[in-house]
């Protein structure tokens, strides 16, 4: 039986239409790859609760659940598990993103997202963000 892992991800979009990417730090699996902030949905959490928690832990941001809008999802089979990842969009938050876990952060225009190597599960999300914020 294959293990199903539920991870929630968030495309933070600033007033210039750029998306925040985080580079996975050394020592983590897939280190060096760029991803959308988020994390594993813990038992008893909704994906929205996970993002509120993770965005605060990872980036020091305060996000209201009403500001998280579902956009799409990824379903990807890795060698030892299957990842299901809803992607939410957030255009409103409190605070400035700070790299609290040793990751590198970068604001990227949607048309440039393919310039950043990402985990295989994240790549299919790019066209949806390009449609949403094409500049």
N, C-alpha and C. Protein backbone atom coordinates (compact mmCIF):
# COMPACT_ATOMS: atom_id res chain seq x y z
N UNK A 1 0.84 -1.18 0.00
CA UNK A 1 0.00 0.00 0.00
C UNK A 1 0.88 1.24 0.00
N UNK A 2 0.53 2.18 -0.83
CA UNK A 2 1.33 3.41 -0.94
C UNK A 2 0.87 4.43 0.10
N UNK A 3 1.83 5.13 0.69
CA UNK A 3 1.51 6.12 1.72
C UNK A 3 1.09 7.43 1.04
N UNK A 4 -0.03 7.99 1.49
CA UNK A 4 -0.52 9.28 0.97
C UNK A 4 -0.10 10.38 1.94
N UNK A 5 0.58 11.38 1.42
CA UNK A 5 1.02 12.52 2.23
C UNK A 5 0.27 13.76 1.75
N UNK A 6 -0.40 14.43 2.68
CA UNK A 6 -1.14 15.66 2.38
C UNK A 6 -0.32 16.85 2.82
N UNK A 7 0.02 17.71 1.87
CA UNK A 7 0.81 18.91 2.12
C UNK A 7 0.03 20.10 1.56
N UNK A 8 -0.05 21.19 2.33
CA UNK A 8 -0.70 22.41 1.84
C UNK A 8 0.38 23.41 1.44
N UNK A 9 0.18 24.06 0.32
CA UNK A 9 1.14 25.06 -0.17
C UNK A 9 0.41 26.37 -0.44
N UNK A 10 1.17 27.47 -0.37
CA UNK A 10 0.58 28.79 -0.56
C UNK A 10 1.42 29.62 -1.52
N UNK A 11 0.75 30.19 -2.50
CA UNK A 11 1.40 31.16 -3.38
C UNK A 11 1.08 32.54 -2.81
N UNK A 12 2.05 33.10 -2.10
CA UNK A 12 1.91 34.47 -1.61
C UNK A 12 2.19 35.39 -2.79
N UNK A 13 1.26 36.27 -3.11
CA UNK A 13 1.41 37.16 -4.27
C UNK A 13 1.41 38.59 -3.76
N UNK A 14 2.50 39.32 -4.05
CA UNK A 14 2.61 40.70 -3.56
C UNK A 14 1.88 41.67 -4.49
N UNK A 15 1.90 42.95 -4.13
CA UNK A 15 1.16 43.96 -4.90
C UNK A 15 1.72 44.15 -6.31
N UNK A 16 2.95 43.69 -6.55
CA UNK A 16 3.54 43.76 -7.90
C UNK A 16 3.26 42.50 -8.71
N UNK A 17 2.48 41.55 -8.14
CA UNK A 17 2.15 40.33 -8.87
C UNK A 17 3.22 39.27 -8.79
N UNK A 18 4.22 39.45 -7.91
CA UNK A 18 5.28 38.46 -7.77
C UNK A 18 4.89 37.40 -6.75
N UNK A 19 5.43 36.20 -6.93
CA UNK A 19 5.15 35.05 -6.07
C UNK A 19 6.39 34.78 -5.21
N UNK A 20 6.17 34.48 -3.93
CA UNK A 20 7.29 34.18 -3.04
C UNK A 20 7.67 32.71 -3.15
N UNK A 21 8.97 32.47 -3.41
CA UNK A 21 9.51 31.12 -3.42
C UNK A 21 10.50 30.98 -2.27
N UNK A 22 10.60 29.78 -1.74
CA UNK A 22 11.56 29.47 -0.69
C UNK A 22 12.45 28.33 -1.18
N UNK A 23 13.75 28.47 -0.96
CA UNK A 23 14.68 27.42 -1.35
C UNK A 23 14.90 26.49 -0.16
N UNK A 24 14.71 25.20 -0.39
CA UNK A 24 14.89 24.23 0.70
C UNK A 24 16.34 24.24 1.17
N UNK A 25 16.54 24.40 2.50
CA UNK A 25 17.90 24.50 3.02
C UNK A 25 18.65 23.16 3.03
N UNK A 26 19.96 23.24 3.15
CA UNK A 26 20.79 22.04 3.27
C UNK A 26 20.31 21.22 4.46
N UNK A 27 20.38 19.90 4.31
CA UNK A 27 19.98 19.02 5.39
C UNK A 27 18.54 18.53 5.28
N UNK A 28 17.73 19.19 4.45
CA UNK A 28 16.35 18.74 4.23
C UNK A 28 16.31 17.94 2.95
N UNK A 29 15.30 17.07 2.82
CA UNK A 29 15.16 16.36 1.55
C UNK A 29 14.89 17.38 0.45
N UNK A 30 15.39 17.09 -0.73
CA UNK A 30 15.26 17.98 -1.89
C UNK A 30 15.90 19.35 -1.63
N UNK A 31 16.97 19.36 -0.85
CA UNK A 31 17.69 20.61 -0.55
C UNK A 31 18.10 21.30 -1.85
N UNK A 32 18.00 22.63 -1.85
CA UNK A 32 18.38 23.43 -3.01
C UNK A 32 17.25 23.70 -3.98
N UNK A 33 16.17 22.91 -3.90
CA UNK A 33 15.04 23.14 -4.80
C UNK A 33 14.15 24.25 -4.23
N UNK A 34 13.46 24.93 -5.13
CA UNK A 34 12.58 26.04 -4.76
C UNK A 34 11.16 25.54 -4.65
N UNK A 35 10.39 26.08 -3.71
CA UNK A 35 9.03 25.63 -3.51
C UNK A 35 8.17 26.78 -3.00
N UNK A 36 6.87 26.52 -2.97
CA UNK A 36 5.92 27.45 -2.39
C UNK A 36 5.86 27.16 -0.90
N UNK A 37 5.80 28.17 -0.05
CA UNK A 37 5.75 27.92 1.39
C UNK A 37 4.55 27.07 1.77
N UNK A 38 4.71 26.31 2.84
CA UNK A 38 3.65 25.45 3.35
C UNK A 38 4.24 24.28 4.09
N UNK A 39 3.45 23.22 4.23
CA UNK A 39 3.96 22.06 4.94
C UNK A 39 2.92 20.97 5.09
N UNK A 40 3.33 19.90 5.79
CA UNK A 40 2.47 18.75 5.99
C UNK A 40 1.26 19.11 6.85
N UNK A 41 0.11 18.59 6.44
CA UNK A 41 -1.11 18.76 7.21
C UNK A 41 -1.05 17.76 8.36
N UNK A 42 -1.07 18.28 9.58
CA UNK A 42 -0.99 17.43 10.77
C UNK A 42 -2.38 16.89 11.12
N UNK A 43 -2.43 15.77 11.87
CA UNK A 43 -3.73 15.22 12.27
C UNK A 43 -4.57 16.28 12.98
N UNK A 44 -5.84 16.37 12.60
CA UNK A 44 -6.75 17.32 13.21
C UNK A 44 -6.72 18.71 12.58
N UNK A 45 -5.82 18.94 11.60
CA UNK A 45 -5.73 20.24 10.93
C UNK A 45 -6.44 20.21 9.59
N UNK A 46 -6.94 21.36 9.18
CA UNK A 46 -7.38 21.54 7.80
C UNK A 46 -6.18 22.09 7.02
N UNK A 47 -6.19 22.01 5.70
CA UNK A 47 -5.10 22.62 4.94
C UNK A 47 -4.94 24.12 5.26
N UNK A 48 -6.06 24.82 5.47
CA UNK A 48 -5.98 26.25 5.79
C UNK A 48 -5.28 26.47 7.14
N UNK A 49 -5.64 25.64 8.15
CA UNK A 49 -4.98 25.74 9.46
C UNK A 49 -3.48 25.48 9.33
N UNK A 50 -3.13 24.51 8.49
CA UNK A 50 -1.72 24.19 8.27
C UNK A 50 -0.99 25.41 7.72
N UNK A 51 -1.58 26.07 6.73
CA UNK A 51 -0.91 27.23 6.14
C UNK A 51 -0.78 28.37 7.13
N UNK A 52 -1.81 28.61 7.91
CA UNK A 52 -1.73 29.67 8.92
C UNK A 52 -0.57 29.39 9.87
N UNK A 53 -0.45 28.13 10.32
CA UNK A 53 0.63 27.73 11.23
C UNK A 53 1.99 27.81 10.54
N UNK A 54 2.09 27.20 9.36
CA UNK A 54 3.38 27.14 8.66
C UNK A 54 3.89 28.51 8.23
N UNK A 55 2.99 29.36 7.72
CA UNK A 55 3.42 30.69 7.29
C UNK A 55 3.92 31.52 8.48
N UNK A 56 3.36 31.27 9.65
CA UNK A 56 3.85 31.96 10.85
C UNK A 56 5.19 31.37 11.28
N UNK A 57 5.30 30.03 11.33
CA UNK A 57 6.54 29.38 11.77
C UNK A 57 7.69 29.65 10.81
N UNK A 58 7.45 29.49 9.50
CA UNK A 58 8.51 29.60 8.50
C UNK A 58 8.88 31.04 8.15
N UNK A 59 7.87 31.92 8.12
CA UNK A 59 8.08 33.26 7.57
C UNK A 59 7.71 34.40 8.51
N UNK A 60 7.13 34.09 9.66
CA UNK A 60 6.73 35.14 10.60
C UNK A 60 5.52 35.94 10.16
N UNK A 61 4.70 35.37 9.28
CA UNK A 61 3.52 36.07 8.76
C UNK A 61 2.26 35.66 9.51
N UNK A 62 1.35 36.61 9.64
CA UNK A 62 0.04 36.33 10.19
C UNK A 62 -0.95 36.37 9.03
N UNK A 63 -1.66 35.26 8.85
CA UNK A 63 -2.60 35.13 7.74
C UNK A 63 -3.97 34.77 8.30
N UNK A 64 -4.98 35.44 7.77
CA UNK A 64 -6.37 35.15 8.14
C UNK A 64 -6.89 34.10 7.17
N UNK A 65 -7.63 33.13 7.68
CA UNK A 65 -8.15 32.05 6.83
C UNK A 65 -8.96 32.58 5.65
N UNK A 66 -9.70 33.69 5.85
CA UNK A 66 -10.50 34.26 4.77
C UNK A 66 -9.65 34.77 3.60
N UNK A 67 -8.35 34.96 3.83
CA UNK A 67 -7.45 35.47 2.79
C UNK A 67 -6.79 34.34 2.00
N UNK A 68 -7.10 33.09 2.33
CA UNK A 68 -6.55 31.93 1.62
C UNK A 68 -7.60 31.43 0.62
N UNK A 69 -7.28 31.54 -0.66
CA UNK A 69 -8.20 31.12 -1.71
C UNK A 69 -7.63 29.89 -2.43
N UNK A 70 -8.39 28.78 -2.47
CA UNK A 70 -7.88 27.60 -3.18
C UNK A 70 -7.77 27.88 -4.67
N UNK A 71 -6.66 27.46 -5.27
CA UNK A 71 -6.44 27.68 -6.70
C UNK A 71 -6.47 26.37 -7.48
N UNK A 72 -5.66 25.41 -7.07
CA UNK A 72 -5.55 24.13 -7.77
C UNK A 72 -4.90 23.13 -6.82
N UNK A 73 -4.56 21.96 -7.33
CA UNK A 73 -3.84 21.00 -6.50
C UNK A 73 -2.91 20.18 -7.38
N UNK A 74 -1.93 19.57 -6.72
CA UNK A 74 -1.01 18.65 -7.40
C UNK A 74 -1.21 17.27 -6.80
N UNK A 75 -1.14 16.26 -7.64
CA UNK A 75 -1.17 14.86 -7.21
C UNK A 75 0.01 14.20 -7.90
N UNK A 76 1.01 13.80 -7.10
CA UNK A 76 2.26 13.31 -7.68
C UNK A 76 2.78 12.09 -6.94
N UNK A 77 3.13 11.08 -7.68
CA UNK A 77 3.68 9.86 -7.10
C UNK A 77 5.20 9.92 -7.05
N UNK A 78 5.74 9.94 -5.84
CA UNK A 78 7.18 9.80 -5.63
C UNK A 78 7.46 8.32 -5.42
N UNK A 79 8.72 7.95 -5.31
CA UNK A 79 9.09 6.54 -5.20
C UNK A 79 8.47 5.87 -3.98
N UNK A 80 8.47 6.54 -2.82
CA UNK A 80 8.02 5.88 -1.60
C UNK A 80 6.74 6.48 -0.99
N UNK A 81 6.11 7.44 -1.67
CA UNK A 81 4.84 7.99 -1.18
C UNK A 81 4.14 8.72 -2.32
N UNK A 82 2.86 9.02 -2.12
CA UNK A 82 2.10 9.82 -3.08
C UNK A 82 1.74 11.13 -2.40
N UNK A 83 2.03 12.24 -3.06
CA UNK A 83 1.79 13.56 -2.51
C UNK A 83 0.52 14.16 -3.09
N UNK A 84 -0.35 14.62 -2.22
CA UNK A 84 -1.52 15.39 -2.61
C UNK A 84 -1.33 16.78 -2.01
N UNK A 85 -1.31 17.81 -2.86
CA UNK A 85 -0.96 19.14 -2.39
C UNK A 85 -1.91 20.20 -2.94
N UNK A 86 -2.87 20.65 -2.11
CA UNK A 86 -3.68 21.79 -2.53
C UNK A 86 -2.82 23.06 -2.49
N UNK A 87 -3.01 23.90 -3.52
CA UNK A 87 -2.31 25.19 -3.58
C UNK A 87 -3.32 26.31 -3.38
N UNK A 88 -3.03 27.13 -2.40
CA UNK A 88 -3.87 28.29 -2.09
C UNK A 88 -3.13 29.55 -2.53
N UNK A 89 -3.89 30.59 -2.81
CA UNK A 89 -3.32 31.90 -3.13
C UNK A 89 -3.65 32.82 -1.97
N UNK A 90 -2.67 33.65 -1.61
CA UNK A 90 -2.88 34.64 -0.56
C UNK A 90 -2.25 35.95 -1.02
N UNK A 91 -3.07 37.00 -1.03
CA UNK A 91 -2.59 38.33 -1.42
C UNK A 91 -2.55 39.30 -0.25
N UNK A 92 -2.99 38.83 0.94
CA UNK A 92 -3.08 39.69 2.11
C UNK A 92 -2.56 38.99 3.35
N UNK A 93 -1.61 39.61 4.02
CA UNK A 93 -1.05 39.06 5.26
C UNK A 93 -0.46 40.20 6.07
N UNK A 94 -0.14 39.90 7.31
CA UNK A 94 0.50 40.89 8.18
C UNK A 94 1.95 40.46 8.39
N UNK A 95 2.86 41.45 8.29
CA UNK A 95 4.28 41.18 8.50
C UNK A 95 5.04 41.14 7.20
N UNK A 96 6.36 41.10 7.34
CA UNK A 96 7.27 40.96 6.20
C UNK A 96 7.85 39.56 6.25
N UNK A 97 7.88 38.84 5.12
CA UNK A 97 8.42 37.48 5.14
C UNK A 97 9.89 37.46 5.59
N UNK A 98 10.16 36.66 6.60
CA UNK A 98 11.52 36.47 7.12
C UNK A 98 11.86 34.99 7.04
N UNK A 99 13.07 34.68 6.62
CA UNK A 99 13.51 33.28 6.51
C UNK A 99 13.86 32.76 7.89
N UNK A 100 12.90 32.17 8.59
CA UNK A 100 13.10 31.71 9.96
C UNK A 100 13.70 30.32 10.06
N UNK A 101 13.79 29.60 8.94
CA UNK A 101 14.29 28.22 8.99
C UNK A 101 15.51 28.02 8.09
N UNK A 102 16.26 29.08 7.87
CA UNK A 102 17.49 28.96 7.09
C UNK A 102 17.29 28.89 5.59
N UNK A 103 16.08 29.07 5.13
CA UNK A 103 15.80 29.01 3.70
C UNK A 103 16.11 30.37 3.05
N UNK A 104 16.33 30.34 1.75
CA UNK A 104 16.49 31.56 0.96
C UNK A 104 15.13 31.90 0.38
N UNK A 105 14.75 33.18 0.43
CA UNK A 105 13.47 33.62 -0.11
C UNK A 105 13.70 34.49 -1.33
N UNK A 106 12.77 34.41 -2.27
CA UNK A 106 12.90 35.23 -3.47
C UNK A 106 11.50 35.51 -4.03
N UNK A 107 11.25 36.79 -4.36
CA UNK A 107 10.01 37.18 -5.05
C UNK A 107 10.26 37.03 -6.54
N UNK A 108 9.37 36.29 -7.22
CA UNK A 108 9.58 35.93 -8.62
C UNK A 108 8.32 36.23 -9.42
N UNK A 109 8.51 36.81 -10.60
CA UNK A 109 7.39 37.02 -11.51
C UNK A 109 6.93 35.65 -12.02
N UNK A 110 5.61 35.44 -12.14
CA UNK A 110 5.11 34.13 -12.57
C UNK A 110 5.75 33.61 -13.86
N UNK A 111 6.03 34.48 -14.82
CA UNK A 111 6.64 34.03 -16.08
C UNK A 111 8.07 33.53 -15.89
N UNK A 112 8.69 33.81 -14.74
CA UNK A 112 10.06 33.39 -14.45
C UNK A 112 10.12 32.18 -13.53
N UNK A 113 8.97 31.66 -13.08
CA UNK A 113 8.98 30.55 -12.12
C UNK A 113 9.73 29.33 -12.64
N UNK A 114 9.67 29.09 -13.95
CA UNK A 114 10.36 27.91 -14.51
C UNK A 114 11.88 28.05 -14.45
N UNK A 115 12.39 29.23 -14.15
CA UNK A 115 13.84 29.44 -14.02
C UNK A 115 14.38 28.86 -12.71
N UNK A 116 13.49 28.45 -11.81
CA UNK A 116 13.89 27.96 -10.49
C UNK A 116 13.57 26.48 -10.38
N UNK A 117 14.60 25.62 -10.21
CA UNK A 117 14.33 24.19 -10.11
C UNK A 117 13.45 23.88 -8.90
N UNK A 118 12.38 23.11 -9.14
CA UNK A 118 11.40 22.79 -8.11
C UNK A 118 11.22 21.29 -8.00
N UNK A 119 10.66 20.84 -6.86
CA UNK A 119 10.27 19.43 -6.79
C UNK A 119 9.26 19.12 -7.89
N UNK A 120 9.26 17.88 -8.35
CA UNK A 120 8.39 17.49 -9.47
C UNK A 120 6.92 17.81 -9.21
N UNK A 121 6.47 17.70 -7.97
CA UNK A 121 5.06 17.95 -7.66
C UNK A 121 4.69 19.42 -7.83
N UNK A 122 5.65 20.33 -7.67
CA UNK A 122 5.35 21.77 -7.76
C UNK A 122 5.25 22.27 -9.20
N UNK A 123 5.96 21.65 -10.11
CA UNK A 123 6.04 22.15 -11.48
C UNK A 123 4.68 22.30 -12.18
N UNK A 124 3.74 21.35 -12.03
CA UNK A 124 2.44 21.52 -12.70
C UNK A 124 1.61 22.70 -12.18
N UNK A 125 2.00 23.26 -11.04
CA UNK A 125 1.27 24.40 -10.48
C UNK A 125 1.61 25.71 -11.20
N UNK A 126 2.76 25.76 -11.85
CA UNK A 126 3.26 26.99 -12.47
C UNK A 126 2.27 27.58 -13.49
N UNK A 127 1.74 26.80 -14.44
CA UNK A 127 0.82 27.39 -15.43
C UNK A 127 -0.40 28.07 -14.80
N UNK A 128 -0.88 27.50 -13.68
CA UNK A 128 -2.03 28.12 -13.00
C UNK A 128 -1.68 29.49 -12.45
N UNK A 129 -0.47 29.62 -11.94
CA UNK A 129 -0.03 30.93 -11.42
C UNK A 129 0.25 31.90 -12.55
N UNK A 130 0.74 31.39 -13.67
CA UNK A 130 0.97 32.26 -14.82
C UNK A 130 -0.36 32.79 -15.37
N UNK A 131 -1.40 31.98 -15.34
CA UNK A 131 -2.73 32.42 -15.78
C UNK A 131 -3.30 33.45 -14.82
N UNK A 132 -3.04 33.25 -13.54
CA UNK A 132 -3.58 34.12 -12.50
C UNK A 132 -2.91 35.49 -12.50
N UNK A 133 -1.59 35.49 -12.66
CA UNK A 133 -0.81 36.74 -12.62
C UNK A 133 0.23 36.66 -13.74
N UNK A 134 -0.20 36.90 -15.00
CA UNK A 134 0.67 36.64 -16.16
C UNK A 134 1.89 37.56 -16.31
N UNK A 135 1.93 38.66 -15.62
CA UNK A 135 3.05 39.60 -15.81
C UNK A 135 4.27 39.15 -15.06
